[in-house]
Structures are given as C-alpha cells and as structure tokens.
C-alpha cells in the first residue's frame, strides 16, 4: 500500500509556486536603475574631466550630495506614510510631492546660500528617482512598503558608508589635482571643500551602489499576485 504524506501548504494558504517570489523583468529593472546610473556616470565624468561641464561642475556635485542627504532623510517618512492601502498610485504620488514641498524649504535655503537656483531641478530629479518604482514596477502595497523601507535602509548604509570610505581613504585625484581646486569656486573649510575629489568619488560610488541594488538585488522584485 502506497504511503501518502500531507503536503505543507504555502504561505497564506497559497501553493509553493504561487508564494514563490517573482523578479521583475530585466527591462523594468533597467528602467528602475537608469536614473541612478546616469547620475553615477555624471559624477565619474566630473571626476575624470571636471571642466567638461564648466568650472562649477565640482561645486554642482557637492550640492547634489547635500541634496541627496535630504532625500535619504525624507525616504523613511515616504515609506511609512505614503503607502496607504486605501490610496491609489496617484494619491500616493501626491503624498510624496507634499512631503517634497516640506523639504523644498531646505533646498531653497541652500540654493539661496550658494546663489544658484538649479538645485531645485536637481532635487526634483532625485525625488523622481524615488517615485520611479511606483510607476515602473508597481507592487501590492504591503510589498511596496517593505521594498521602500528596505531601500531607505540601504540608502542610509550606502550614504554613511560612502562618507566613511571616502573622507580619509587615499583616493586618486584624476582630473581634480590640488592645483586646480582654487579655480573651482569653492569657499569655506572642510574635507569636501579642500579636497573636492573626495565628494565626487563619494557621489560616483553612492549612486553606482543604488543602481546596482535596483538592478541586481531580488528583494526589490517582491511577489506579485497571479
């Protein structure tokens, strides 16, 4: 007589096949990673040829990394507050924009301090990189909230790790040797201002890391309903 053994049910009563995680398609993952990959590429080019984009390119990179600090700081609030199970994607997008307006006050202060208004566009670009997953790779809200919280944690680790890794580590100057620094329009004290190749290297590593996470880490492709 053949023995019959009970089958272990999948999570939530689903079969193992239904409960198995499904990665996003390669085109979706490429689309998610593209904004950060482009930003990384601009930092790399600035590191190699800082005058290709004008004399203010290095200062621009420094301001972008300050703006990204605000984005990282705000992302935790986005993840917790924005993903309301009763809200549509449009409403969630409006919530993100509302929080962005709050942080916009800080951006305006920095823009006025540097005498430049382009940081507003840069901030919009960085926020847009966060909005991308809602539209490019939509997930059930419980999965989306988890993804955003994990991505916020990853961003914190990459940002703080990038600061530690570049602040005192010997790094190649490439196109930003010490004799070029006085002509870059940087004023004040601090490692990023006195050795600006460090903040440019930080930007390249940080945004490259974000792009790699979005492209390669399966956790950012949570299970979709059949």
C-alpha atoms as a PDB file:
ATOM      1  CA  UNK A   1       0.000   0.000   0.000  1.00  0.00           C
ATOM      2  CA  UNK A   2       1.468   3.357  -1.020  1.00  0.00           C
ATOM      3  CA  UNK A   3       2.087   5.839   1.768  1.00  0.00           C
ATOM      4  CA  UNK A   4       0.636   9.311   1.415  1.00  0.00           C
ATOM      5  CA  UNK A   5       2.165  12.212   3.261  1.00  0.00           C
ATOM      6  CA  UNK A   6       0.434  15.545   3.845  1.00  0.00           C
ATOM      7  CA  UNK A   7       1.741  18.426   1.759  1.00  0.00           C
ATOM      8  CA  UNK A   8       2.982  21.538   3.530  1.00  0.00           C
ATOM      9  CA  UNK A   9       0.813  24.474   2.401  1.00  0.00           C
ATOM     10  CA  UNK A  10       2.407  27.602   1.057  1.00  0.00           C
ATOM     11  CA  UNK A  11       2.406  30.912   2.865  1.00  0.00           C
ATOM     12  CA  UNK A  12      -1.104  32.256   3.433  1.00  0.00           C
ATOM     13  CA  UNK A  13      -2.682  29.125   2.003  1.00  0.00           C
ATOM     14  CA  UNK A  14      -1.025  29.605  -1.374  1.00  0.00           C
ATOM     15  CA  UNK A  15       0.814  26.854  -3.151  1.00  0.00           C
ATOM     16  CA  UNK A  16       4.585  26.951  -3.169  1.00  0.00           C
ATOM     17  CA  UNK A  17       4.516  28.081  -6.810  1.00  0.00           C
ATOM     18  CA  UNK A  18       2.130  30.914  -6.013  1.00  0.00           C
ATOM     19  CA  UNK A  19       4.140  32.001  -2.981  1.00  0.00           C
ATOM     20  CA  UNK A  20       7.467  31.963  -4.806  1.00  0.00           C
ATOM     21  CA  UNK A  21       8.954  35.413  -5.409  1.00  0.00           C
ATOM     22  CA  UNK A  22       8.937  36.653  -8.979  1.00  0.00           C
ATOM     23  CA  UNK A  23      11.671  39.003 -10.118  1.00  0.00           C
ATOM     24  CA  UNK A  24      10.797  41.995 -12.221  1.00  0.00           C
ATOM     25  CA  UNK A  25      11.700  41.695 -15.877  1.00  0.00           C
ATOM     26  CA  UNK A  26      15.107  42.933 -16.982  1.00  0.00           C
ATOM     27  CA  UNK A  27      13.653  45.975 -18.822  1.00  0.00           C
ATOM     28  CA  UNK A  28      11.809  47.044 -15.649  1.00  0.00           C
ATOM     29  CA  UNK A  29      14.922  46.643 -13.515  1.00  0.00           C
ATOM     30  CA  UNK A  30      16.973  48.582 -16.047  1.00  0.00           C
ATOM     31  CA  UNK A  31      14.394  51.377 -16.014  1.00  0.00           C
ATOM     32  CA  UNK A  32      14.490  51.475 -12.196  1.00  0.00           C
ATOM     33  CA  UNK A  33      18.292  51.654 -12.136  1.00  0.00           C
ATOM     34  CA  UNK A  34      18.697  54.102 -15.033  1.00  0.00           C
ATOM     35  CA  UNK A  35      18.327  57.451 -13.160  1.00  0.00           C
ATOM     36  CA  UNK A  36      20.929  56.482 -10.543  1.00  0.00           C
ATOM     37  CA  UNK A  37      23.213  55.020 -13.219  1.00  0.00           C
ATOM     38  CA  UNK A  38      23.065  58.288 -15.181  1.00  0.00           C
ATOM     39  CA  UNK A  39      23.836  60.306 -12.057  1.00  0.00           C
ATOM     40  CA  UNK A  40      26.741  57.974 -11.273  1.00  0.00           C
ATOM     41  CA  UNK A  41      28.058  58.464 -14.815  1.00  0.00           C
ATOM     42  CA  UNK A  42      27.987  62.245 -14.441  1.00  0.00           C
ATOM     43  CA  UNK A  43      29.982  62.001 -11.216  1.00  0.00           C
ATOM     44  CA  UNK A  44      32.529  59.724 -12.896  1.00  0.00           C
ATOM     45  CA  UNK A  45      32.926  62.129 -15.823  1.00  0.00           C
ATOM     46  CA  UNK A  46      33.303  65.044 -13.408  1.00  0.00           C
ATOM     47  CA  UNK A  47      35.962  63.135 -11.501  1.00  0.00           C
ATOM     48  CA  UNK A  48      37.885  62.448 -14.718  1.00  0.00           C
ATOM     49  CA  UNK A  49      37.274  65.739 -16.548  1.00  0.00           C
ATOM     50  CA  UNK A  50      35.801  68.319 -14.143  1.00  0.00           C
ATOM     51  CA  UNK A  51      35.884  71.183 -16.650  1.00  0.00           C
ATOM     52  CA  UNK A  52      33.914  69.296 -19.297  1.00  0.00           C
ATOM     53  CA  UNK A  53      30.686  70.619 -17.759  1.00  0.00           C
ATOM     54  CA  UNK A  54      32.056  74.038 -16.805  1.00  0.00           C
ATOM     55  CA  UNK A  55      34.005  75.478 -13.895  1.00  0.00           C
ATOM     56  CA  UNK A  56      31.121  74.897 -11.467  1.00  0.00           C
ATOM     57  CA  UNK A  57      30.782  71.158 -12.124  1.00  0.00           C
ATOM     58  CA  UNK A  58      32.568  70.107  -8.932  1.00  0.00           C
ATOM     59  CA  UNK A  59      30.530  72.524  -6.811  1.00  0.00           C
ATOM     60  CA  UNK A  60      27.436  71.117  -8.500  1.00  0.00           C
ATOM     61  CA  UNK A  61      28.412  67.594  -7.441  1.00  0.00           C
ATOM     62  CA  UNK A  62      28.937  68.740  -3.862  1.00  0.00           C
ATOM     63  CA  UNK A  63      25.495  70.364  -3.732  1.00  0.00           C
ATOM     64  CA  UNK A  64      23.886  67.247  -5.229  1.00  0.00           C
ATOM     65  CA  UNK A  65      25.303  65.141  -2.405  1.00  0.00           C
ATOM     66  CA  UNK A  66      23.928  67.605   0.153  1.00  0.00           C
ATOM     67  CA  UNK A  67      20.544  67.385  -1.544  1.00  0.00           C
ATOM     68  CA  UNK A  68      20.722  63.600  -1.524  1.00  0.00           C
ATOM     69  CA  UNK A  69      21.143  63.753   2.258  1.00  0.00           C
ATOM     70  CA  UNK A  70      17.708  65.395   2.387  1.00  0.00           C
ATOM     71  CA  UNK A  71      16.286  62.755   0.067  1.00  0.00           C
ATOM     72  CA  UNK A  72      17.664  59.933   2.231  1.00  0.00           C
ATOM     73  CA  UNK A  73      16.358  61.642   5.361  1.00  0.00           C
ATOM     74  CA  UNK A  74      12.890  62.006   3.843  1.00  0.00           C
ATOM     75  CA  UNK A  75      12.690  58.497   2.373  1.00  0.00           C
ATOM     76  CA  UNK A  76      11.873  56.890   5.707  1.00  0.00           C
ATOM     77  CA  UNK A  77       8.832  59.153   6.037  1.00  0.00           C
ATOM     78  CA  UNK A  78       7.854  58.394   2.449  1.00  0.00           C
ATOM     79  CA  UNK A  79       7.978  54.659   3.085  1.00  0.00           C
ATOM     80  CA  UNK A  80       5.898  54.761   6.263  1.00  0.00           C
ATOM     81  CA  UNK A  81       3.358  57.459   5.411  1.00  0.00           C
ATOM     82  CA  UNK A  82       2.846  57.285   1.680  1.00  0.00           C
ATOM     83  CA  UNK A  83       1.834  53.647   1.148  1.00  0.00           C
ATOM     84  CA  UNK A  84      -1.737  53.751   2.394  1.00  0.00           C
ATOM     85  CA  UNK A  85      -3.560  50.541   1.329  1.00  0.00           C
ATOM     86  CA  UNK A  86      -6.673  52.590   0.531  1.00  0.00           C
ATOM     87  CA  UNK A  87      -4.843  55.134  -1.648  1.00  0.00           C
ATOM     88  CA  UNK A  88      -4.374  54.976  -5.402  1.00  0.00           C
ATOM     89  CA  UNK A  89      -0.991  55.417  -7.029  1.00  0.00           C
ATOM     90  CA  UNK A  90      -1.985  58.970  -7.950  1.00  0.00           C
ATOM     91  CA  UNK A  91      -2.798  59.807  -4.324  1.00  0.00           C
ATOM     92  CA  UNK A  92       0.435  58.223  -3.146  1.00  0.00           C
ATOM     93  CA  UNK A  93       2.325  60.313  -5.665  1.00  0.00           C
ATOM     94  CA  UNK A  94       0.619  63.440  -4.314  1.00  0.00           C
ATOM     95  CA  UNK A  95       1.683  62.456  -0.780  1.00  0.00           C
ATOM     96  CA  UNK A  96       5.276  62.203  -1.947  1.00  0.00           C
ATOM     97  CA  UNK A  97       5.020  65.609  -3.589  1.00  0.00           C
ATOM     98  CA  UNK A  98       3.537  67.077  -0.384  1.00  0.00           C
ATOM     99  CA  UNK A  99       6.440  65.835   1.696  1.00  0.00           C
ATOM    100  CA  UNK A 100       8.788  67.068  -1.010  1.00  0.00           C
ATOM    101  CA  UNK A 101       7.381  70.565  -0.635  1.00  0.00           C
ATOM    102  CA  UNK A 102       8.298  70.487   3.054  1.00  0.00           C
ATOM    103  CA  UNK A 103      11.888  69.556   2.237  1.00  0.00           C
ATOM    104  CA  UNK A 104      11.848  72.103  -0.566  1.00  0.00           C
ATOM    105  CA  UNK A 105      12.188  74.797   2.083  1.00  0.00           C
ATOM    106  CA  UNK A 106      15.640  73.447   2.945  1.00  0.00           C
ATOM    107  CA  UNK A 107      16.551  73.265  -0.737  1.00  0.00           C
ATOM    108  CA  UNK A 108      15.534  76.891  -1.225  1.00  0.00           C
ATOM    109  CA  UNK A 109      17.724  77.897   1.707  1.00  0.00           C
ATOM    110  CA  UNK A 110      20.731  76.080   0.235  1.00  0.00           C
ATOM    111  CA  UNK A 111      20.039  77.479  -3.233  1.00  0.00           C
ATOM    112  CA  UNK A 112      19.953  80.995  -1.845  1.00  0.00           C
ATOM    113  CA  UNK A 113      23.139  80.339   0.149  1.00  0.00           C
ATOM    114  CA  UNK A 114      25.018  79.204  -2.974  1.00  0.00           C
ATOM    115  CA  UNK A 115      23.408  81.873  -5.162  1.00  0.00           C
ATOM    116  CA  UNK A 116      22.124  79.191  -7.576  1.00  0.00           C
ATOM    117  CA  UNK A 117      18.595  78.045  -8.440  1.00  0.00           C
ATOM    118  CA  UNK A 118      19.401  74.870 -10.374  1.00  0.00           C
ATOM    119  CA  UNK A 119      19.380  72.808  -7.120  1.00  0.00           C
ATOM    120  CA  UNK A 120      15.581  72.890  -7.408  1.00  0.00           C
ATOM    121  CA  UNK A 121      15.806  70.881 -10.623  1.00  0.00           C
ATOM    122  CA  UNK A 122      18.396  68.555  -9.100  1.00  0.00           C
ATOM    123  CA  UNK A 123      16.140  67.912  -6.116  1.00  0.00           C
ATOM    124  CA  UNK A 124      13.244  67.119  -8.456  1.00  0.00           C
ATOM    125  CA  UNK A 125      15.493  64.640 -10.312  1.00  0.00           C
ATOM    126  CA  UNK A 126      16.493  62.895  -7.093  1.00  0.00           C
ATOM    127  CA  UNK A 127      12.883  62.698  -5.890  1.00  0.00           C
ATOM    128  CA  UNK A 128      11.872  61.384  -9.299  1.00  0.00           C
ATOM    129  CA  UNK A 129      14.308  58.522  -8.838  1.00  0.00           C
ATOM    130  CA  UNK A 130      12.339  57.561  -5.713  1.00  0.00           C
ATOM    131  CA  UNK A 131       8.986  57.852  -7.476  1.00  0.00           C
ATOM    132  CA  UNK A 132      10.092  55.574 -10.274  1.00  0.00           C
ATOM    133  CA  UNK A 133       9.247  52.276  -8.612  1.00  0.00           C
ATOM    134  CA  UNK A 134       5.601  53.305  -8.088  1.00  0.00           C
ATOM    135  CA  UNK A 135       5.081  53.656 -11.826  1.00  0.00           C
ATOM    136  CA  UNK A 136       7.722  51.442 -13.432  1.00  0.00           C
ATOM    137  CA  UNK A 137       7.398  48.353 -11.221  1.00  0.00           C
ATOM    138  CA  UNK A 138       4.140  48.616  -9.229  1.00  0.00           C
ATOM    139  CA  UNK A 139       3.695  46.041  -6.459  1.00  0.00           C
ATOM    140  CA  UNK A 140       0.952  45.225  -3.950  1.00  0.00           C
ATOM    141  CA  UNK A 141       1.095  47.882  -1.245  1.00  0.00           C
ATOM    142  CA  UNK A 142       2.373  45.635   1.529  1.00  0.00           C
ATOM    143  CA  UNK A 143       5.250  44.576  -0.741  1.00  0.00           C
ATOM    144  CA  UNK A 144       5.842  48.138  -1.919  1.00  0.00           C
ATOM    145  CA  UNK A 145       6.058  49.455   1.635  1.00  0.00           C
ATOM    146  CA  UNK A 146       8.553  46.731   2.529  1.00  0.00           C
ATOM    147  CA  UNK A 147      10.594  47.499  -0.571  1.00  0.00           C
ATOM    148  CA  UNK A 148      10.695  51.220   0.213  1.00  0.00           C
ATOM    149  CA  UNK A 149      11.673  50.676   3.852  1.00  0.00           C
ATOM    150  CA  UNK A 150      14.449  48.288   2.828  1.00  0.00           C
ATOM    151  CA  UNK A 151      15.607  50.686   0.125  1.00  0.00           C
ATOM    152  CA  UNK A 152      15.669  53.533   2.655  1.00  0.00           C
ATOM    153  CA  UNK A 153      17.853  51.395   4.944  1.00  0.00           C
ATOM    154  CA  UNK A 154      20.127  50.529   2.017  1.00  0.00           C
ATOM    155  CA  UNK A 155      20.393  54.233   1.129  1.00  0.00           C
ATOM    156  CA  UNK A 156      21.403  55.098   4.693  1.00  0.00           C
ATOM    157  CA  UNK A 157      24.068  52.387   4.724  1.00  0.00           C
ATOM    158  CA  UNK A 158      25.431  53.439   1.325  1.00  0.00           C
ATOM    159  CA  UNK A 159      25.450  57.127   2.242  1.00  0.00           C
ATOM    160  CA  UNK A 160      27.113  56.748   5.629  1.00  0.00           C
ATOM    161  CA  UNK A 161      29.428  54.041   4.315  1.00  0.00           C
ATOM    162  CA  UNK A 162      30.377  56.248   1.368  1.00  0.00           C
ATOM    163  CA  UNK A 163      31.235  59.143   3.658  1.00  0.00           C
ATOM    164  CA  UNK A 164      33.424  56.933   5.843  1.00  0.00           C
ATOM    165  CA  UNK A 165      35.052  55.257   2.847  1.00  0.00           C
ATOM    166  CA  UNK A 166      35.996  58.493   1.087  1.00  0.00           C
ATOM    167  CA  UNK A 167      36.691  61.000   3.837  1.00  0.00           C
ATOM    168  CA  UNK A 168      40.183  59.798   4.755  1.00  0.00           C
ATOM    169  CA  UNK A 169      40.995  56.966   2.359  1.00  0.00           C
ATOM    170  CA  UNK A 170      43.718  57.598  -0.242  1.00  0.00           C
ATOM    171  CA  UNK A 171      41.836  58.257  -3.479  1.00  0.00           C
ATOM    172  CA  UNK A 172      43.108  59.164  -6.942  1.00  0.00           C
ATOM    173  CA  UNK A 173      42.631  62.821  -7.842  1.00  0.00           C
ATOM    174  CA  UNK A 174      42.203  62.053 -11.561  1.00  0.00           C
ATOM    175  CA  UNK A 175      41.144  65.366 -13.126  1.00  0.00           C
ATOM    176  CA  UNK A 176      40.903  67.273  -9.822  1.00  0.00           C
ATOM    177  CA  UNK A 177      44.512  67.790  -8.653  1.00  0.00           C
ATOM    178  CA  UNK A 178      45.219  70.154  -5.738  1.00  0.00           C
ATOM    179  CA  UNK A 179      46.423  72.935  -8.054  1.00  0.00           C
ATOM    180  CA  UNK A 180      43.017  73.028  -9.761  1.00  0.00           C
ATOM    181  CA  UNK A 181      40.999  73.449  -6.551  1.00  0.00           C
ATOM    182  CA  UNK A 182      41.425  77.255  -6.168  1.00  0.00           C
ATOM    183  CA  UNK A 183      39.774  77.765  -9.579  1.00  0.00           C
ATOM    184  CA  UNK A 184      36.662  75.706  -8.761  1.00  0.00           C
ATOM    185  CA  UNK A 185      34.817  78.453  -6.893  1.00  0.00           C
ATOM    186  CA  UNK A 186      34.689  76.603  -3.583  1.00  0.00           C
ATOM    187  CA  UNK A 187      34.892  78.605  -0.371  1.00  0.00           C
ATOM    188  CA  UNK A 188      34.953  77.577   3.262  1.00  0.00           C
ATOM    189  CA  UNK A 189      36.578  74.752   5.171  1.00  0.00           C
ATOM    190  CA  UNK A 190      36.121  71.019   5.436  1.00  0.00           C
ATOM    191  CA  UNK A 191      37.349  67.949   3.629  1.00  0.00           C
ATOM    192  CA  UNK A 192      34.829  68.170   0.771  1.00  0.00           C
ATOM    193  CA  UNK A 193      35.792  71.787   0.044  1.00  0.00           C
ATOM    194  CA  UNK A 194      39.542  71.399   0.492  1.00  0.00           C
ATOM    195  CA  UNK A 195      39.758  68.023  -1.287  1.00  0.00           C
ATOM    196  CA  UNK A 196      36.700  68.035  -3.571  1.00  0.00           C
ATOM    197  CA  UNK A 197      37.738  64.912  -5.450  1.00  0.00           C
ATOM    198  CA  UNK A 198      36.536  63.041  -2.353  1.00  0.00           C
ATOM    199  CA  UNK A 199      32.922  64.194  -2.588  1.00  0.00           C
ATOM    200  CA  UNK A 200      32.895  63.475  -6.337  1.00  0.00           C
ATOM    201  CA  UNK A 201      34.222  59.964  -5.682  1.00  0.00           C
ATOM    202  CA  UNK A 202      31.577  59.596  -2.971  1.00  0.00           C
ATOM    203  CA  UNK A 203      28.824  60.537  -5.440  1.00  0.00           C
ATOM    204  CA  UNK A 204      30.077  58.056  -8.033  1.00  0.00           C
ATOM    205  CA  UNK A 205      30.222  55.207  -5.502  1.00  0.00           C
ATOM    206  CA  UNK A 206      26.915  56.066  -3.863  1.00  0.00           C
ATOM    207  CA  UNK A 207      24.789  56.360  -6.988  1.00  0.00           C
ATOM    208  CA  UNK A 208      26.555  53.411  -8.570  1.00  0.00           C
ATOM    209  CA  UNK A 209      25.635  51.375  -5.497  1.00  0.00           C
ATOM    210  CA  UNK A 210      21.990  52.448  -5.701  1.00  0.00           C
ATOM    211  CA  UNK A 211      21.812  51.487  -9.369  1.00  0.00           C
ATOM    212  CA  UNK A 212      23.392  48.089  -8.670  1.00  0.00           C
ATOM    213  CA  UNK A 213      20.918  47.377  -5.859  1.00  0.00           C
ATOM    214  CA  UNK A 214      17.912  48.217  -8.030  1.00  0.00           C
ATOM    215  CA  UNK A 215      19.236  46.137 -10.895  1.00  0.00           C
ATOM    216  CA  UNK A 216      20.631  43.080  -9.128  1.00  0.00           C
ATOM    217  CA  UNK A 217      19.029  42.549  -5.702  1.00  0.00           C
ATOM    218  CA  UNK A 218      15.986  40.222  -5.928  1.00  0.00           C
ATOM    219  CA  UNK A 219      14.393  41.733  -2.816  1.00  0.00           C
ATOM    220  CA  UNK A 220      13.269  44.695  -4.905  1.00  0.00           C
ATOM    221  CA  UNK A 221      11.047  42.447  -7.010  1.00  0.00           C
ATOM    222  CA  UNK A 222       8.500  41.295  -4.436  1.00  0.00           C
ATOM    223  CA  UNK A 223       5.825  38.706  -5.124  1.00  0.00           C
ATOM    224  CA  UNK A 224       3.007  39.740  -7.441  1.00  0.00           C
ATOM    225  CA  UNK A 225      -0.495  38.274  -7.321  1.00  0.00           C
ATOM    226  CA  UNK A 226      -1.259  35.716 -10.012  1.00  0.00           C
END
